[in-house]
Amino acid sequence: MRWLPQITALILLAAQALSTSSMCNDNLFCVTGTKDTRDNIMITVHSSALGWVGFGIGSGMADSSIYLGWKNTTGGVILSSRQSSGYAVPRVSTENIVTLVATPANIIAPSWARITFTFVRPAVSSIKSITSGSTYIYAMSDVPPANLDSPETTIRIHNRRGVIRGLDLTTEFGSNNTSAIPTGHTDQPVLQLPNGVSYDYILRVHGIMMVVAWSISPAIGIFVARYLKITLGAKWFHLHIFFMFVVTGILTIASIVVVYIYKTSAHFSSYHEVIGLTVGVGMLVQFFLGFLSNATFNPKRSRIPLQDRVHWWFGRILALLAIVNVFFGMNLYDSLGFPISVGYKIGFGILIAVIVICFIAAQCLIGQKHHDESTDTLFHS
């Protein structure tokens, strides 16, 4: 009978193990949960992330309660309760219903786990309740938060994220979980960032290339085509093609690719992303319109043909949309946890003001020039 206490303890541990629901995704993320008799849910999270990990109740960032965890300066864990209403850094939650607790002894952290924490919260919430049919999200980053000891600190954008369905965290202690096997998937970048390169740097490269591609290069290309046809002769067309097709085209494609391969799958939930996609597709249409105008050019024409006018105005609209989108991009960059100085916005505004002044001066001093046989002999001989 001396083994009775040990046997009883083993039986209780086995019962507790059977009563939990869990889902693991590769060697990246695991979540385990159970409900007690007072309708409280205990959730344990394991992650391979070196920075922070988040677990959320909801199907996406548009409307979720999110619980973030990371290691503080003493090696302990900071738990931060957040609310998300869109694709931006989740704000601190208005609810105070979550408690960080010790991880149960029977829940063993995987060897790959760098962050492990357990918290308890009621199943019912005024923001997001947990039910047997709830969908969950998770995200993680290898970049630590700005202030490791503050639960209200800013975090940087995740480099991995996922969705979990079919996981029933309402299974009560002492009952077997017979629900369907939960499913989950993790979205990861096409390529991992090179050593020493941050996602912050990637976004800055993207921003610089897009400013050149859609603010500086189009301004030069339009200026040459509008005011310098007579001065440059047929060379104006070479320069126009270079700035509008080569510079703008190559930089646009490169900047889209560099963001695509180093981020998780696209959301297209912000103004910047939607407008950027619109401008990118419009750029291809504008290329076609430009080549069509050149192919149908008639030096003996008596008026400006429709295809030329469409090419002009469509290009102007794209350029204006792109300029507006730069400001949306700065706001999105800031919302992802990368604070941006107002000086950058002022500097970009000054750049646009200088461009506008140059166009006004050229319009007054030179005026618009139209091409004829003398300016197009290289292309229509």
Protein backbone atom coordinates (compact mmCIF):
# COMPACT_ATOMS: atom_id res chain seq x y z
CA MET A 1 0.00 0.00 0.00
CA ARG A 2 2.99 2.29 0.30
CA TRP A 3 2.83 2.93 -3.48
CA LEU A 4 -0.80 4.07 -3.31
CA PRO A 5 -0.05 7.86 -3.10
CA GLN A 6 2.32 7.68 -6.07
CA ILE A 7 -0.16 5.66 -8.11
CA THR A 8 -2.95 8.09 -7.27
CA ALA A 9 -0.82 11.05 -8.31
CA LEU A 10 0.01 9.41 -11.62
CA ILE A 11 -3.67 8.73 -12.27
CA LEU A 12 -4.54 12.37 -11.56
CA LEU A 13 -1.80 13.62 -13.86
CA ALA A 14 -2.98 11.28 -16.59
CA ALA A 15 -6.54 12.50 -16.16
CA GLN A 16 -5.39 16.11 -16.40
CA ALA A 17 -3.40 15.34 -19.55
CA LEU A 18 -6.46 13.74 -21.14
CA SER A 19 -8.59 16.73 -20.22
CA THR A 20 -6.51 19.28 -22.10
CA SER A 21 -6.77 20.36 -25.73
CA SER A 22 -3.62 21.22 -27.61
CA MET A 23 -2.26 22.10 -31.01
CA CYS A 24 1.36 22.25 -32.13
CA ASN A 25 2.67 23.54 -35.42
CA ASP A 26 6.10 22.20 -36.35
CA ASN A 27 8.81 23.32 -33.93
CA LEU A 28 7.44 26.85 -33.85
CA PHE A 29 4.35 27.10 -31.69
CA CYS A 30 2.23 25.05 -29.27
CA VAL A 31 -0.88 25.93 -27.27
CA THR A 32 -2.59 23.84 -24.60
CA GLY A 33 -5.80 24.67 -22.77
CA THR A 34 -8.42 23.40 -20.34
CA LYS A 35 -11.43 24.74 -18.43
CA ASP A 36 -12.01 24.37 -14.70
CA THR A 37 -15.33 24.02 -12.85
CA ARG A 38 -15.58 27.81 -12.40
CA ASP A 39 -15.57 28.39 -16.15
CA ASN A 40 -12.00 29.70 -16.23
CA ILE A 41 -9.74 28.78 -19.13
CA MET A 42 -6.07 27.98 -18.48
CA ILE A 43 -3.89 28.39 -21.56
CA THR A 44 -0.21 27.51 -21.97
CA VAL A 45 1.82 28.83 -24.89
CA HIS A 46 5.20 27.57 -26.15
CA SER A 47 7.12 29.38 -28.88
CA SER A 48 10.49 29.21 -30.59
CA ALA A 49 10.49 33.00 -30.99
CA LEU A 50 13.40 34.96 -29.58
CA GLY A 51 11.44 38.21 -29.23
CA TRP A 52 7.75 37.85 -28.40
CA VAL A 53 4.79 35.55 -29.03
CA GLY A 54 1.08 36.31 -29.11
CA PHE A 55 -2.04 34.14 -28.87
CA GLY A 56 -5.41 35.61 -29.81
CA ILE A 57 -9.09 34.75 -29.60
CA GLY A 58 -10.58 35.58 -32.99
CA SER A 59 -10.15 34.74 -36.66
CA GLY A 60 -7.96 37.72 -37.52
CA MET A 61 -6.50 40.99 -36.33
CA ALA A 62 -9.62 42.90 -37.31
CA ASP A 63 -11.32 41.86 -34.04
CA SER A 64 -9.41 39.81 -31.46
CA SER A 65 -8.33 39.65 -27.84
CA ILE A 66 -4.60 39.01 -27.90
CA TYR A 67 -2.23 37.90 -25.14
CA LEU A 68 1.44 38.66 -25.68
CA GLY A 69 4.36 37.18 -23.80
CA TRP A 70 8.11 37.79 -23.75
CA LYS A 71 11.13 37.41 -21.52
CA ASN A 72 11.90 40.39 -19.29
CA THR A 73 15.34 41.57 -18.15
CA THR A 74 15.42 39.11 -15.23
CA GLY A 75 14.48 36.06 -17.29
CA GLY A 76 10.85 36.03 -16.17
CA VAL A 77 7.84 36.48 -18.43
CA ILE A 78 5.82 39.62 -19.08
CA LEU A 79 2.17 39.03 -20.03
CA SER A 80 0.41 41.82 -21.93
CA SER A 81 -3.33 41.82 -22.63
CA ARG A 82 -4.17 43.58 -25.89
CA GLN A 83 -7.05 44.30 -28.27
CA SER A 84 -6.71 44.48 -32.04
CA SER A 85 -9.02 46.20 -34.47
CA GLY A 86 -6.92 46.06 -37.61
CA TYR A 87 -3.52 45.34 -39.08
CA ALA A 88 -1.53 47.41 -36.62
CA VAL A 89 0.15 47.06 -33.22
CA PRO A 90 -2.61 45.84 -30.84
CA ARG A 91 -3.48 48.42 -28.21
CA VAL A 92 -3.54 47.67 -24.47
CA SER A 93 -6.83 45.99 -23.53
CA THR A 94 -9.50 47.77 -21.52
CA GLU A 95 -10.30 44.46 -19.81
CA ASN A 96 -8.38 43.26 -16.78
CA ILE A 97 -9.40 39.61 -16.71
CA VAL A 98 -6.17 37.71 -17.36
CA THR A 99 -3.72 36.38 -14.76
CA LEU A 100 -0.23 35.01 -15.34
CA VAL A 101 0.22 31.71 -13.44
CA ALA A 102 2.86 29.03 -13.10
CA THR A 103 2.88 26.45 -15.86
CA PRO A 104 1.53 23.09 -14.54
CA ALA A 105 4.19 20.47 -13.89
CA ASN A 106 2.57 18.00 -16.27
CA ILE A 107 2.92 20.39 -19.23
CA ILE A 108 6.50 19.96 -20.37
CA ALA A 109 8.01 22.67 -22.53
CA PRO A 110 9.40 21.35 -25.85
CA SER A 111 13.16 21.47 -26.27
CA TRP A 112 12.81 24.10 -29.00
CA ALA A 113 10.68 26.48 -26.89
CA ARG A 114 12.34 29.80 -26.04
CA ILE A 115 9.25 31.39 -24.48
CA THR A 116 6.73 29.51 -22.32
CA PHE A 117 3.96 31.03 -20.24
CA THR A 118 0.56 30.12 -18.80
CA PHE A 119 -2.36 32.40 -18.09
CA VAL A 120 -5.92 32.08 -16.83
CA ARG A 121 -8.96 34.06 -17.93
CA PRO A 122 -12.74 33.58 -17.77
CA ALA A 123 -14.36 31.89 -20.74
CA VAL A 124 -16.86 34.75 -20.95
CA SER A 125 -15.56 38.19 -21.91
CA SER A 126 -17.16 41.48 -22.87
CA ILE A 127 -14.71 41.70 -25.78
CA LYS A 128 -14.07 38.15 -26.98
CA SER A 129 -15.44 35.03 -25.26
CA ILE A 130 -13.98 31.55 -25.63
CA THR A 131 -16.40 28.88 -26.87
CA SER A 132 -16.03 25.35 -28.18
CA GLY A 133 -16.14 26.70 -31.74
CA SER A 134 -13.71 29.60 -31.32
CA THR A 135 -11.03 30.31 -33.90
CA TYR A 136 -7.60 31.41 -32.70
CA ILE A 137 -4.64 33.26 -34.15
CA TYR A 138 -1.00 33.41 -33.14
CA ALA A 139 2.03 35.42 -34.14
CA MET A 140 5.67 35.71 -33.15
CA SER A 141 8.78 37.74 -33.77
CA ASP A 142 12.48 37.34 -33.11
CA VAL A 143 12.76 41.07 -32.35
CA PRO A 144 12.25 41.81 -28.62
CA PRO A 145 9.84 44.57 -27.54
CA ALA A 146 11.20 48.08 -26.98
CA ASN A 147 10.90 47.87 -23.17
CA LEU A 148 11.25 44.32 -21.88
CA ASP A 149 9.84 45.16 -18.45
CA SER A 150 6.71 47.05 -19.51
CA PRO A 151 3.49 45.26 -20.54
CA GLU A 152 2.43 48.40 -22.43
CA THR A 153 5.55 48.63 -24.58
CA THR A 154 5.59 48.76 -28.38
CA ILE A 155 6.25 45.56 -30.30
CA ARG A 156 7.54 45.17 -33.83
CA ILE A 157 5.64 43.39 -36.58
CA HIS A 158 5.61 39.58 -36.51
CA ASN A 159 7.63 37.49 -38.95
CA ARG A 160 5.43 34.40 -38.49
CA ARG A 161 1.70 34.11 -37.93
CA GLY A 162 -0.98 31.46 -38.07
CA VAL A 163 -4.62 30.49 -37.60
CA ILE A 164 -5.99 27.62 -35.49
CA ARG A 165 -9.38 25.99 -36.09
CA GLY A 166 -11.09 23.05 -34.39
CA LEU A 167 -9.31 23.55 -31.06
CA ASP A 168 -11.72 23.28 -28.10
CA LEU A 169 -10.22 25.04 -25.09
CA THR A 170 -13.47 24.61 -23.13
CA THR A 171 -12.78 20.95 -22.32
CA GLU A 172 -13.32 20.58 -18.59
CA PHE A 173 -10.81 19.09 -16.19
CA GLY A 174 -11.45 15.39 -15.67
CA SER A 175 -13.19 14.80 -19.01
CA ASN A 176 -11.70 13.37 -22.17
CA ASN A 177 -11.36 15.63 -25.18
CA THR A 178 -13.15 13.88 -28.02
CA SER A 179 -13.46 16.85 -30.35
CA ALA A 180 -12.09 16.88 -33.87
CA ILE A 181 -8.33 17.13 -34.31
CA PRO A 182 -7.45 20.84 -34.42
CA THR A 183 -5.79 22.23 -37.49
CA GLY A 184 -3.41 25.13 -37.79
CA HIS A 185 -0.99 26.61 -40.25
CA THR A 186 1.88 29.05 -39.96
CA ASP A 187 2.56 31.75 -42.52
CA GLN A 188 6.26 32.45 -42.87
CA PRO A 189 8.24 34.70 -45.22
CA VAL A 190 9.43 33.23 -48.50
CA LEU A 191 12.96 33.94 -47.26
CA GLN A 192 14.29 34.48 -43.76
CA LEU A 193 16.03 37.79 -43.17
CA PRO A 194 19.83 37.66 -43.56
CA ASN A 195 21.85 37.87 -40.37
CA GLY A 196 22.11 41.44 -39.16
CA VAL A 197 19.23 42.66 -41.34
CA SER A 198 15.97 43.73 -39.68
CA TYR A 199 12.50 43.99 -41.18
CA ASP A 200 12.67 47.67 -40.29
CA TYR A 201 15.57 48.00 -42.76
CA ILE A 202 13.61 46.14 -45.46
CA LEU A 203 10.67 48.53 -45.07
CA ARG A 204 12.98 51.54 -45.27
CA VAL A 205 14.55 50.22 -48.49
CA HIS A 206 11.04 49.67 -49.88
CA GLY A 207 10.06 53.22 -48.96
CA ILE A 208 13.14 54.85 -50.48
CA MET A 209 12.79 52.93 -53.75
CA MET A 210 9.10 53.82 -54.01
CA VAL A 211 9.74 57.53 -53.37
CA VAL A 212 12.30 57.55 -56.17
CA ALA A 213 10.07 55.42 -58.43
CA TRP A 214 6.88 57.40 -57.96
CA SER A 215 7.85 60.92 -56.93
CA ILE A 216 11.25 61.81 -58.39
CA SER A 217 11.43 59.66 -61.53
CA PRO A 218 7.90 60.44 -62.86
CA ALA A 219 8.44 64.14 -62.22
CA ILE A 220 11.56 64.10 -64.39
CA GLY A 221 9.94 61.92 -67.07
CA ILE A 222 6.84 64.12 -67.29
CA PHE A 223 8.90 67.32 -67.23
CA VAL A 224 11.03 66.13 -70.15
CA ALA A 225 7.99 65.07 -72.20
CA ARG A 226 6.01 68.23 -71.50
CA TYR A 227 8.60 70.98 -71.74
CA LEU A 228 11.82 69.75 -73.39
CA LYS A 229 10.74 68.14 -76.69
CA ILE A 230 12.03 70.99 -78.83
CA THR A 231 15.17 71.54 -76.75
CA LEU A 232 16.23 67.87 -76.73
CA GLY A 233 14.89 66.77 -80.09
CA ALA A 234 14.31 63.03 -80.40
CA LYS A 235 16.38 62.46 -77.25
CA TRP A 236 13.38 63.48 -75.14
CA PHE A 237 11.79 60.12 -75.94
CA HIS A 238 14.88 58.19 -74.81
CA LEU A 239 14.86 60.06 -71.50
CA HIS A 240 11.10 59.68 -71.05
CA ILE A 241 11.34 55.92 -71.59
CA PHE A 242 14.33 55.68 -69.26
CA PHE A 243 12.68 57.42 -66.31
CA MET A 244 9.13 56.14 -66.74
CA PHE A 245 9.76 52.58 -67.92
CA VAL A 246 13.24 51.66 -66.69
CA VAL A 247 13.60 53.58 -63.41
CA THR A 248 9.96 53.57 -62.26
CA GLY A 249 9.28 50.08 -63.59
CA ILE A 250 12.36 48.36 -62.18
CA LEU A 251 12.24 50.11 -58.80
CA THR A 252 8.52 49.38 -58.41
CA ILE A 253 8.98 45.68 -59.13
CA ALA A 254 12.08 45.46 -56.92
CA SER A 255 10.44 47.21 -53.97
CA ILE A 256 7.35 44.98 -54.17
CA VAL A 257 9.48 41.84 -54.39
CA VAL A 258 11.72 42.78 -51.44
CA VAL A 259 8.68 43.26 -49.19
CA TYR A 260 6.92 40.14 -50.49
CA ILE A 261 9.78 37.73 -49.90
CA TYR A 262 10.54 38.95 -46.37
CA LYS A 263 7.03 39.24 -44.94
CA THR A 264 4.16 36.90 -44.21
CA SER A 265 1.33 36.64 -46.71
CA ALA A 266 -0.22 39.89 -47.86
CA HIS A 267 -3.22 41.31 -46.04
CA PHE A 268 -4.29 44.16 -48.33
CA SER A 269 -6.29 45.55 -45.43
CA SER A 270 -4.74 49.03 -45.35
CA TYR A 271 -5.13 52.02 -47.65
CA HIS A 272 -1.43 51.87 -48.48
CA GLU A 273 -1.54 48.28 -49.68
CA VAL A 274 -4.76 48.68 -51.67
CA ILE A 275 -3.63 51.92 -53.34
CA GLY A 276 -0.17 50.43 -53.94
CA LEU A 277 -1.69 47.42 -55.70
CA THR A 278 -3.89 49.74 -57.78
CA VAL A 279 -0.93 51.89 -58.80
CA GLY A 280 1.18 48.82 -59.61
CA VAL A 281 -1.47 47.39 -61.95
CA GLY A 282 -2.12 50.84 -63.38
CA MET A 283 1.59 51.16 -64.17
CA LEU A 284 1.33 48.20 -66.56
CA VAL A 285 -1.69 49.78 -68.26
CA GLN A 286 0.21 53.06 -68.55
CA PHE A 287 3.16 51.31 -70.20
CA PHE A 288 0.78 49.91 -72.81
CA LEU A 289 -0.81 53.32 -73.39
CA GLY A 290 2.62 54.89 -73.83
CA PHE A 291 3.77 52.39 -76.42
CA LEU A 292 0.40 52.66 -78.18
CA SER A 293 0.76 56.44 -78.41
CA ASN A 294 4.22 56.09 -79.89
CA ALA A 295 3.21 53.36 -82.35
CA THR A 296 0.26 55.39 -83.67
CA PHE A 297 2.10 58.73 -83.84
CA ASN A 298 1.39 60.75 -86.97
CA PRO A 299 3.60 63.84 -87.42
CA LYS A 300 1.03 65.34 -89.82
CA ARG A 301 -1.80 65.18 -87.31
CA SER A 302 -3.97 68.27 -86.85
CA ARG A 303 -5.01 67.59 -83.26
CA ILE A 304 -3.95 65.56 -80.21
CA PRO A 305 -5.37 62.00 -80.53
CA LEU A 306 -7.45 60.40 -77.80
CA GLN A 307 -4.83 57.77 -76.87
CA ASP A 308 -2.30 60.51 -76.14
CA ARG A 309 -4.69 62.38 -73.88
CA VAL A 310 -5.62 59.18 -72.03
CA HIS A 311 -1.91 58.42 -71.57
CA TRP A 312 -1.26 61.89 -70.15
CA TRP A 313 -4.15 62.00 -67.70
CA PHE A 314 -3.90 58.39 -66.61
CA GLY A 315 -0.22 58.93 -65.83
CA ARG A 316 -0.95 62.09 -63.85
CA ILE A 317 -3.61 60.30 -61.81
CA LEU A 318 -1.22 57.43 -61.04
CA ALA A 319 1.51 59.87 -59.98
CA LEU A 320 -0.86 61.73 -57.64
CA LEU A 321 -2.15 58.47 -56.15
CA ALA A 322 1.42 57.33 -55.57
CA ILE A 323 2.34 60.57 -53.80
CA VAL A 324 -0.67 60.25 -51.49
CA ASN A 325 0.25 56.62 -50.92
CA VAL A 326 3.69 57.59 -49.63
CA PHE A 327 1.99 59.33 -46.70
CA PHE A 328 -0.23 56.29 -46.12
CA GLY A 329 2.93 54.17 -46.19
CA MET A 330 4.55 56.30 -43.50
CA ASN A 331 1.45 55.93 -41.32
CA LEU A 332 1.41 52.16 -41.86
CA TYR A 333 5.12 51.95 -41.03
CA ASP A 334 4.44 53.75 -37.75
CA SER A 335 1.45 51.52 -36.93
CA LEU A 336 3.59 48.40 -37.33
CA GLY A 337 5.69 49.45 -34.36
CA PHE A 338 8.40 51.41 -36.16
CA PRO A 339 8.16 55.00 -34.90
CA ILE A 340 8.78 57.51 -37.67
CA SER A 341 9.81 61.11 -37.13
CA VAL A 342 7.48 63.83 -38.39
CA GLY A 343 10.58 65.23 -40.08
CA TYR A 344 10.33 62.53 -42.76
CA LYS A 345 6.80 63.64 -43.62
CA ILE A 346 7.87 67.28 -43.68
CA GLY A 347 10.87 66.43 -45.85
CA PHE A 348 8.71 64.54 -48.34
CA GLY A 349 6.26 67.44 -48.38
CA ILE A 350 9.11 69.83 -49.19
CA LEU A 351 10.24 67.54 -52.03
CA ILE A 352 6.75 67.59 -53.56
CA ALA A 353 6.56 71.38 -53.12
CA VAL A 354 9.86 71.82 -55.01
CA ILE A 355 8.58 69.62 -57.84
CA VAL A 356 5.34 71.62 -58.07
CA ILE A 357 7.27 74.92 -58.13
CA CYS A 358 9.50 73.62 -60.95
CA PHE A 359 6.45 72.68 -63.02
CA ILE A 360 4.76 76.03 -62.43
CA ALA A 361 7.93 77.88 -63.43
CA ALA A 362 8.38 75.75 -66.57
CA GLN A 363 4.75 76.23 -67.55
CA CYS A 364 5.13 80.00 -67.27
CA LEU A 365 8.57 80.29 -68.90
CA ILE A 366 8.54 77.47 -71.47
CA GLY A 367 5.01 76.17 -71.90
CA GLN A 368 3.97 72.74 -73.13
CA LYS A 369 5.72 71.54 -76.30
CA HIS A 370 4.20 69.02 -78.73
CA HIS A 371 6.29 66.65 -80.81
CA ASP A 372 6.43 66.70 -84.60
CA GLU A 373 8.68 65.31 -87.34
CA SER A 374 11.72 67.20 -86.08
CA THR A 375 11.47 65.66 -82.61
CA ASP A 376 10.65 62.09 -83.66
CA THR A 377 12.77 61.26 -86.69
CA LEU A 378 14.68 58.60 -84.76
CA PHE A 379 11.55 56.62 -84.11
CA HIS A 380 9.46 57.25 -87.22
CA SER A 381 11.94 57.41 -90.09
